[in-house]
PDB file of all heavy atoms in Angstrom:
ATOM      1  N   ALA A   1       3.933-103.149-128.793  1.00  0.00           N
ATOM      2  CA  ALA A   1       5.237-103.638-129.241  1.00  0.00           C
ATOM      3  C   ALA A   1       5.879-102.694-130.251  1.00  0.00           C
ATOM      4  O   ALA A   1       7.083-102.423-130.187  1.00  0.00           O
ATOM      5  CB  ALA A   1       5.089-105.039-129.839  1.00  0.00           C
ATOM      6  N   GLU A   2       5.073-102.173-131.194  1.00  0.00           N
ATOM      7  CA  GLU A   2       5.650-101.294-132.218  1.00  0.00           C
ATOM      8  C   GLU A   2       6.107 -99.965-131.627  1.00  0.00           C
ATOM      9  O   GLU A   2       7.068 -99.353-132.117  1.00  0.00           O
ATOM     10  CB  GLU A   2       4.659-101.053-133.357  1.00  0.00           C
ATOM     11  CG  GLU A   2       3.364-100.377-132.956  1.00  0.00           C
ATOM     12  CD  GLU A   2       2.252-101.361-132.639  1.00  0.00           C
ATOM     13  OE1 GLU A   2       2.569-102.490-132.200  1.00  0.00           O
ATOM     14  OE2 GLU A   2       1.070-101.008-132.851  1.00  0.00           O
ATOM     15  N   VAL A   3       5.452 -99.526-130.564  1.00  0.00           N
ATOM     16  CA  VAL A   3       5.854 -98.288-129.897  1.00  0.00           C
ATOM     17  C   VAL A   3       7.200 -98.488-129.200  1.00  0.00           C
ATOM     18  O   VAL A   3       8.111 -97.663-129.339  1.00  0.00           O
ATOM     19  CB  VAL A   3       4.782 -97.846-128.881  1.00  0.00           C
ATOM     20  CG1 VAL A   3       5.290 -96.686-128.026  1.00  0.00           C
ATOM     21  CG2 VAL A   3       3.504 -97.452-129.613  1.00  0.00           C
ATOM     22  N   LEU A   4       7.341 -99.577-128.477  1.00  0.00           N
ATOM     23  CA  LEU A   4       8.605 -99.856-127.781  1.00  0.00           C
ATOM     24  C   LEU A   4       9.743-100.074-128.778  1.00  0.00           C
ATOM     25  O   LEU A   4      10.863 -99.615-128.549  1.00  0.00           O
ATOM     26  CB  LEU A   4       8.463-101.079-126.889  1.00  0.00           C
ATOM     27  CG  LEU A   4       7.937-100.837-125.485  1.00  0.00           C
ATOM     28  CD1 LEU A   4       7.863-102.143-124.717  1.00  0.00           C
ATOM     29  CD2 LEU A   4       8.816 -99.839-124.737  1.00  0.00           C
ATOM     30  N   LYS A   5       9.454-100.756-129.878  1.00  0.00           N
ATOM     31  CA  LYS A   5      10.490-100.981-130.886  1.00  0.00           C
ATOM     32  C   LYS A   5      10.991 -99.657-131.442  1.00  0.00           C
ATOM     33  O   LYS A   5      12.207 -99.432-131.575  1.00  0.00           O
ATOM     34  CB  LYS A   5       9.948-101.865-132.007  1.00  0.00           C
ATOM     35  CG  LYS A   5      10.970-102.161-133.096  1.00  0.00           C
ATOM     36  CD  LYS A   5      10.364-103.057-134.176  1.00  0.00           C
ATOM     37  CE  LYS A   5      11.388-103.335-135.272  1.00  0.00           C
ATOM     38  NZ  LYS A   5      10.810-104.196-136.356  1.00  0.00           N
ATOM     39  N   ALA A   6      10.061 -98.765-131.764  1.00  0.00           N
ATOM     40  CA  ALA A   6      10.439 -97.460-132.306  1.00  0.00           C
ATOM     41  C   ALA A   6      11.208 -96.641-131.287  1.00  0.00           C
ATOM     42  O   ALA A   6      12.191 -95.969-131.625  1.00  0.00           O
ATOM     43  CB  ALA A   6       9.190 -96.708-132.761  1.00  0.00           C
ATOM     44  N   ARG A   7      10.782 -96.685-130.029  1.00  0.00           N
ATOM     45  CA  ARG A   7      11.461 -95.907-128.989  1.00  0.00           C
ATOM     46  C   ARG A   7      12.865 -96.434-128.730  1.00  0.00           C
ATOM     47  O   ARG A   7      13.825 -95.659-128.567  1.00  0.00           O
ATOM     48  CB  ARG A   7      10.637 -95.915-127.710  1.00  0.00           C
ATOM     49  CG  ARG A   7      11.250 -95.118-126.557  1.00  0.00           C
ATOM     50  CD  ARG A   7      11.399 -93.627-126.888  1.00  0.00           C
ATOM     51  NE  ARG A   7      12.086 -92.923-125.813  1.00  0.00           N
ATOM     52  CZ  ARG A   7      11.460 -92.288-124.817  1.00  0.00           C
ATOM     53  NH1 ARG A   7      10.134 -92.267-124.765  1.00  0.00           N
ATOM     54  NH2 ARG A   7      12.156 -91.667-123.883  1.00  0.00           N
ATOM     55  N   ARG A   8      13.025 -97.746-128.677  1.00  0.00           N
ATOM     56  CA  ARG A   8      14.354 -98.321-128.444  1.00  0.00           C
ATOM     57  C   ARG A   8      15.318 -97.948-129.571  1.00  0.00           C
ATOM     58  O   ARG A   8      16.494 -97.654-129.327  1.00  0.00           O
ATOM     59  CB  ARG A   8      14.263 -99.837-128.299  1.00  0.00           C
ATOM     60  CG  ARG A   8      13.547-100.302-127.034  1.00  0.00           C
ATOM     61  CD  ARG A   8      13.574-101.822-126.916  1.00  0.00           C
ATOM     62  NE  ARG A   8      12.684-102.314-125.887  1.00  0.00           N
ATOM     63  CZ  ARG A   8      12.957-102.339-124.593  1.00  0.00           C
ATOM     64  NH1 ARG A   8      14.123-101.898-124.166  1.00  0.00           N
ATOM     65  NH2 ARG A   8      12.079-102.819-123.717  1.00  0.00           N
ATOM     66  N   GLU A   9      14.827 -97.954-130.795  1.00  0.00           N
ATOM     67  CA  GLU A   9      15.675 -97.582-131.929  1.00  0.00           C
ATOM     68  C   GLU A   9      16.063 -96.112-131.838  1.00  0.00           C
ATOM     69  O   GLU A   9      17.231 -95.752-132.090  1.00  0.00           O
ATOM     70  CB  GLU A   9      14.935 -97.851-133.239  1.00  0.00           C
ATOM     71  CG  GLU A   9      15.756 -97.533-134.482  1.00  0.00           C
ATOM     72  CD  GLU A   9      17.073 -98.281-134.544  1.00  0.00           C
ATOM     73  OE1 GLU A   9      17.121 -99.449-134.127  1.00  0.00           O
ATOM     74  OE2 GLU A   9      18.074 -97.676-135.011  1.00  0.00           O
ATOM     75  N   LYS A  10      15.120 -95.268-131.470  1.00  0.00           N
ATOM     76  CA  LYS A  10      15.441 -93.846-131.323  1.00  0.00           C
ATOM     77  C   LYS A  10      16.456 -93.635-130.206  1.00  0.00           C
ATOM     78  O   LYS A  10      17.376 -92.813-130.328  1.00  0.00           O
ATOM     79  CB  LYS A  10      14.173 -93.046-131.037  1.00  0.00           C
ATOM     80  CG  LYS A  10      14.451 -91.548-130.931  1.00  0.00           C
ATOM     81  CD  LYS A  10      13.185 -90.733-130.755  1.00  0.00           C
ATOM     82  CE  LYS A  10      13.520 -89.254-130.673  1.00  0.00           C
ATOM     83  NZ  LYS A  10      12.313 -88.421-130.511  1.00  0.00           N
ATOM     84  N   GLU A  11      16.321 -94.362-129.109  1.00  0.00           N
ATOM     85  CA  GLU A  11      17.261 -94.232-127.997  1.00  0.00           C
ATOM     86  C   GLU A  11      18.672 -94.600-128.434  1.00  0.00           C
ATOM     87  O   GLU A  11      19.648 -93.931-128.064  1.00  0.00           O
ATOM     88  CB  GLU A  11      16.815 -95.104-126.822  1.00  0.00           C
ATOM     89  CG  GLU A  11      15.556 -94.628-126.130  1.00  0.00           C
ATOM     90  CD  GLU A  11      15.762 -93.316-125.385  1.00  0.00           C
ATOM     91  OE1 GLU A  11      16.830 -93.116-124.800  1.00  0.00           O
ATOM     92  OE2 GLU A  11      14.828 -92.483-125.396  1.00  0.00           O
ATOM     93  N   LYS A  12      18.819 -95.642-129.235  1.00  0.00           N
ATOM     94  CA  LYS A  12      20.143 -96.032-129.736  1.00  0.00           C
ATOM     95  C   LYS A  12      20.749 -94.910-130.575  1.00  0.00           C
ATOM     96  O   LYS A  12      21.943 -94.607-130.457  1.00  0.00           O
ATOM     97  CB  LYS A  12      20.032 -97.312-130.558  1.00  0.00           C
ATOM     98  CG  LYS A  12      19.708 -98.560-129.762  1.00  0.00           C
ATOM     99  CD  LYS A  12      19.586 -99.773-130.676  1.00  0.00           C
ATOM    100  CE  LYS A  12      19.200-101.013-129.898  1.00  0.00           C
ATOM    101  NZ  LYS A  12      19.034-102.188-130.796  1.00  0.00           N
ATOM    102  N   GLN A  13      19.951 -94.313-131.438  1.00  0.00           N
ATOM    103  CA  GLN A  13      20.437 -93.219-132.278  1.00  0.00           C
ATOM    104  C   GLN A  13      20.857 -92.018-131.443  1.00  0.00           C
ATOM    105  O   GLN A  13      21.875 -91.376-131.712  1.00  0.00           O
ATOM    106  CB  GLN A  13      19.358 -92.829-133.286  1.00  0.00           C
ATOM    107  CG  GLN A  13      19.014 -93.908-134.286  1.00  0.00           C
ATOM    108  CD  GLN A  13      17.799 -93.556-135.123  1.00  0.00           C
ATOM    109  OE1 GLN A  13      17.222 -92.468-135.014  1.00  0.00           O
ATOM    110  NE2 GLN A  13      17.382 -94.479-135.983  1.00  0.00           N
ATOM    111  N   ARG A  14      20.061 -91.717-130.408  1.00  0.00           N
ATOM    112  CA  ARG A  14      20.364 -90.567-129.556  1.00  0.00           C
ATOM    113  C   ARG A  14      21.656 -90.780-128.774  1.00  0.00           C
ATOM    114  O   ARG A  14      22.417 -89.838-128.541  1.00  0.00           O
ATOM    115  CB  ARG A  14      19.196 -90.299-128.610  1.00  0.00           C
ATOM    116  CG  ARG A  14      17.897 -89.919-129.288  1.00  0.00           C
ATOM    117  CD  ARG A  14      17.979 -88.570-129.974  1.00  0.00           C
ATOM    118  NE  ARG A  14      18.188 -87.496-129.026  1.00  0.00           N
ATOM    119  CZ  ARG A  14      17.220 -86.897-128.337  1.00  0.00           C
ATOM    120  NH1 ARG A  14      15.958 -87.300-128.477  1.00  0.00           N
ATOM    121  NH2 ARG A  14      17.488 -85.915-127.512  1.00  0.00           N
ATOM    122  N   ILE A  15      21.905 -92.002-128.338  1.00  0.00           N
ATOM    123  CA  ILE A  15      23.146 -92.301-127.617  1.00  0.00           C
ATOM    124  C   ILE A  15      24.346 -92.062-128.532  1.00  0.00           C
ATOM    125  O   ILE A  15      25.350 -91.459-128.125  1.00  0.00           O
ATOM    126  CB  ILE A  15      23.132 -93.738-127.075  1.00  0.00           C
ATOM    127  CG1 ILE A  15      22.136 -93.855-125.911  1.00  0.00           C
ATOM    128  CG2 ILE A  15      24.531 -94.157-126.600  1.00  0.00           C
ATOM    129  CD1 ILE A  15      21.921 -95.273-125.424  1.00  0.00           C
ATOM    130  N   LYS A  16      24.262 -92.521-129.780  1.00  0.00           N
ATOM    131  CA  LYS A  16      25.361 -92.317-130.733  1.00  0.00           C
ATOM    132  C   LYS A  16      25.615 -90.837-130.970  1.00  0.00           C
ATOM    133  O   LYS A  16      26.761 -90.406-131.103  1.00  0.00           O
ATOM    134  CB  LYS A  16      25.040 -93.013-132.054  1.00  0.00           C
ATOM    135  CG  LYS A  16      25.071 -94.533-131.987  1.00  0.00           C
ATOM    136  CD  LYS A  16      24.731 -95.134-133.346  1.00  0.00           C
ATOM    137  CE  LYS A  16      24.738 -96.656-133.295  1.00  0.00           C
ATOM    138  NZ  LYS A  16      24.355 -97.253-134.601  1.00  0.00           N
ATOM    139  N   SER A  17      24.550 -90.054-130.998  1.00  0.00           N
ATOM    140  CA  SER A  17      24.693 -88.624-131.282  1.00  0.00           C
ATOM    141  C   SER A  17      25.358 -87.859-130.143  1.00  0.00           C
ATOM    142  O   SER A  17      25.776 -86.711-130.322  1.00  0.00           O
ATOM    143  CB  SER A  17      23.324 -88.007-131.580  1.00  0.00           C
ATOM    144  OG  SER A  17      22.536 -87.910-130.409  1.00  0.00           O
ATOM    145  N   LEU A  18      25.460 -88.469-128.975  1.00  0.00           N
ATOM    146  CA  LEU A  18      26.048 -87.796-127.820  1.00  0.00           C
ATOM    147  C   LEU A  18      27.577 -87.781-127.847  1.00  0.00           C
ATOM    148  O   LEU A  18      28.199 -86.992-127.131  1.00  0.00           O
ATOM    149  CB  LEU A  18      25.592 -88.468-126.525  1.00  0.00           C
ATOM    150  CG  LEU A  18      24.138 -88.255-126.116  1.00  0.00           C
ATOM    151  CD1 LEU A  18      23.762 -89.228-125.004  1.00  0.00           C
ATOM    152  CD2 LEU A  18      23.923 -86.826-125.652  1.00  0.00           C
ATOM    153  N   ALA A  19      28.192 -88.639-128.645  1.00  0.00           N
ATOM    154  CA  ALA A  19      29.645 -88.809-128.597  1.00  0.00           C
ATOM    155  C   ALA A  19      30.388 -87.494-128.821  1.00  0.00           C
ATOM    156  O   ALA A  19      31.285 -87.124-128.058  1.00  0.00           O
ATOM    157  CB  ALA A  19      30.081 -89.853-129.616  1.00  0.00           C
ATOM    158  N   GLY A  20      30.014 -86.766-129.860  1.00  0.00           N
ATOM    159  CA  GLY A  20      30.699 -85.512-130.158  1.00  0.00           C
ATOM    160  C   GLY A  20      30.463 -84.460-129.094  1.00  0.00           C
ATOM    161  O   GLY A  20      31.385 -83.705-128.736  1.00  0.00           O
ATOM    162  N   LEU A  21      29.272 -84.411-128.575  1.00  0.00           N
ATOM    163  CA  LEU A  21      28.947 -83.429-127.543  1.00  0.00           C
ATOM    164  C   LEU A  21      29.755 -83.687-126.273  1.00  0.00           C
ATOM    165  O   LEU A  21      30.253 -82.753-125.642  1.00  0.00           O
ATOM    166  CB  LEU A  21      27.451 -83.486-127.238  1.00  0.00           C
ATOM    167  CG  LEU A  21      26.857 -82.322-126.448  1.00  0.00           C
ATOM    168  CD1 LEU A  21      26.995 -81.019-127.214  1.00  0.00           C
ATOM    169  CD2 LEU A  21      25.386 -82.607-126.137  1.00  0.00           C
ATOM    170  N   LYS A  22      29.890 -84.934-125.906  1.00  0.00           N
ATOM    171  CA  LYS A  22      30.650 -85.277-124.702  1.00  0.00           C
ATOM    172  C   LYS A  22      32.129 -84.902-124.848  1.00  0.00           C
ATOM    173  O   LYS A  22      32.763 -84.460-123.887  1.00  0.00           O
ATOM    174  CB  LYS A  22      30.520 -86.765-124.400  1.00  0.00           C
ATOM    175  CG  LYS A  22      29.143 -87.179-123.892  1.00  0.00           C
ATOM    176  CD  LYS A  22      28.993 -88.676-123.853  1.00  0.00           C
ATOM    177  CE  LYS A  22      30.032 -89.326-122.961  1.00  0.00           C
ATOM    178  NZ  LYS A  22      29.937 -90.789-122.988  1.00  0.00           N
ATOM    179  N   LYS A  23      32.675 -85.057-126.043  1.00  0.00           N
ATOM    180  CA  LYS A  23      34.072 -84.684-126.277  1.00  0.00           C
ATOM    181  C   LYS A  23      34.256 -83.168-126.219  1.00  0.00           C
ATOM    182  O   LYS A  23      35.274 -82.668-125.748  1.00  0.00           O
ATOM    183  CB  LYS A  23      34.542 -85.211-127.631  1.00  0.00           C
ATOM    184  CG  LYS A  23      34.723 -86.716-127.677  1.00  0.00           C
ATOM    185  CD  LYS A  23      35.215 -87.159-129.057  1.00  0.00           C
ATOM    186  CE  LYS A  23      35.412 -88.665-129.117  1.00  0.00           C
ATOM    187  NZ  LYS A  23      35.872 -89.099-130.463  1.00  0.00           N
ATOM    188  N   ARG A  24      33.259 -82.449-126.700  1.00  0.00           N
ATOM    189  CA  ARG A  24      33.353 -80.990-126.779  1.00  0.00           C
ATOM    190  C   ARG A  24      33.108 -80.317-125.439  1.00  0.00           C
ATOM    191  O   ARG A  24      33.721 -79.282-125.135  1.00  0.00           O
ATOM    192  CB  ARG A  24      32.342 -80.482-127.821  1.00  0.00           C
ATOM    193  CG  ARG A  24      32.293 -78.971-127.972  1.00  0.00           C
ATOM    194  CD  ARG A  24      31.661 -78.577-129.284  1.00  0.00           C
ATOM    195  NE  ARG A  24      30.260 -78.942-129.398  1.00  0.00           N
ATOM    196  CZ  ARG A  24      29.241 -78.112-129.137  1.00  0.00           C
ATOM    197  NH1 ARG A  24      29.489 -76.874-128.740  1.00  0.00           N
ATOM    198  NH2 ARG A  24      27.996 -78.504-129.286  1.00  0.00           N
ATOM    199  N   ILE A  25      32.244 -80.874-124.624  1.00  0.00           N
ATOM    200  CA  ILE A  25      31.840 -80.227-123.376  1.00  0.00           C
ATOM    201  C   ILE A  25      32.450 -80.970-122.198  1.00  0.00           C
ATOM    202  O   ILE A  25      32.083 -82.121-121.917  1.00  0.00           O
ATOM    203  CB  ILE A  25      30.304 -80.181-123.266  1.00  0.00           C
ATOM    204  CG1 ILE A  25      29.753 -79.288-124.388  1.00  0.00           C
ATOM    205  CG2 ILE A  25      29.863 -79.676-121.897  1.00  0.00           C
ATOM    206  CD1 ILE A  25      28.255 -79.198-124.436  1.00  0.00           C
ATOM    207  N   ARG A  26      33.366 -80.304-121.508  1.00  0.00           N
ATOM    208  CA  ARG A  26      34.108 -80.945-120.416  1.00  0.00           C
ATOM    209  C   ARG A  26      33.888 -80.262-119.068  1.00  0.00           C
ATOM    210  O   ARG A  26      34.408 -80.735-118.060  1.00  0.00           O
ATOM    211  CB  ARG A  26      35.614 -80.941-120.738  1.00  0.00           C
ATOM    212  CG  ARG A  26      35.984 -81.610-122.053  1.00  0.00           C
ATOM    213  CD  ARG A  26      35.732 -83.089-122.035  1.00  0.00           C
ATOM    214  NE  ARG A  26      36.114 -83.754-123.267  1.00  0.00           N
ATOM    215  CZ  ARG A  26      37.322 -84.258-123.507  1.00  0.00           C
ATOM    216  NH1 ARG A  26      38.275 -84.159-122.593  1.00  0.00           N
ATOM    217  NH2 ARG A  26      37.586 -84.851-124.663  1.00  0.00           N
ATOM    218  N   THR A  27      33.157 -79.135-119.039  1.00  0.00           N
ATOM    219  CA  THR A  27      32.934 -78.413-117.792  1.00  0.00           C
ATOM    220  C   THR A  27      31.467 -78.064-117.644  1.00  0.00           C
ATOM    221  O   THR A  27      30.722 -77.998-118.627  1.00  0.00           O
ATOM    222  CB  THR A  27      33.756 -77.112-117.729  1.00  0.00           C
ATOM    223  OG1 THR A  27      33.248 -76.195-118.714  1.00  0.00           O
ATOM    224  CG2 THR A  27      35.234 -77.372-117.973  1.00  0.00           C
ATOM    225  N   LEU A  28      31.060 -77.794-116.407  1.00  0.00           N
ATOM    226  CA  LEU A  28      29.677 -77.418-116.149  1.00  0.00           C
ATOM    227  C   LEU A  28      29.355 -76.079-116.811  1.00  0.00           C
ATOM    228  O   LEU A  28      28.249 -75.868-117.321  1.00  0.00           O
ATOM    229  CB  LEU A  28      29.457 -77.339-114.638  1.00  0.00           C
ATOM    230  CG  LEU A  28      28.035 -77.580-114.110  1.00  0.00           C
ATOM    231  CD1 LEU A  28      27.498 -78.926-114.572  1.00  0.00           C
ATOM    232  CD2 LEU A  28      28.022 -77.489-112.593  1.00  0.00           C
ATOM    233  N   ASP A  29      30.321 -75.186-116.828  1.00  0.00           N
ATOM    234  CA  ASP A  29      30.129 -73.886-117.468  1.00  0.00           C
ATOM    235  C   ASP A  29      29.860 -74.037-118.964  1.00  0.00           C
ATOM    236  O   ASP A  29      28.964 -73.388-119.520  1.00  0.00           O
ATOM    237  CB  ASP A  29      31.358 -73.014-117.243  1.00  0.00           C
ATOM    238  CG  ASP A  29      31.304 -71.738-118.065  1.00  0.00           C
ATOM    239  OD1 ASP A  29      30.499 -70.860-117.735  1.00  0.00           O
ATOM    240  OD2 ASP A  29      32.057 -71.639-119.055  1.00  0.00           O
ATOM    241  N   SER A  30      30.617 -74.906-119.636  1.00  0.00           N
ATOM    242  CA  SER A  30      30.424 -75.083-121.073  1.00  0.00           C
ATOM    243  C   SER A  30      29.094 -75.780-121.369  1.00  0.00           C
ATOM    244  O   SER A  30      28.462 -75.510-122.393  1.00  0.00           O
ATOM    245  CB  SER A  30      31.588 -75.857-121.695  1.00  0.00           C
ATOM    246  OG  SER A  30      31.728 -77.133-121.113  1.00  0.00           O
ATOM    247  N   LEU A  31      28.644 -76.647-120.474  1.00  0.00           N
ATOM    248  CA  LEU A  31      27.334 -77.257-120.662  1.00  0.00           C
ATOM    249  C   LEU A  31      26.225 -76.219-120.486  1.00  0.00           C
ATOM    250  O   LEU A  31      25.258 -76.191-121.248  1.00  0.00           O
ATOM    251  CB  LEU A  31      27.128 -78.414-119.682  1.00  0.00           C
ATOM    252  CG  LEU A  31      25.769 -79.130-119.786  1.00  0.00           C
ATOM    253  CD1 LEU A  31      25.521 -79.649-121.199  1.00  0.00           C
ATOM    254  CD2 LEU A  31      25.675 -80.257-118.775  1.00  0.00           C
TER     255      LEU A  31
END
């Protein structure tokens, strides 16, 4: 349970961190 709790929390943080990257990268070349 503690492993899943920690992983789910990390996944939420990682999703939030993607917002700026998605705005900045709009093409396959830039990715």
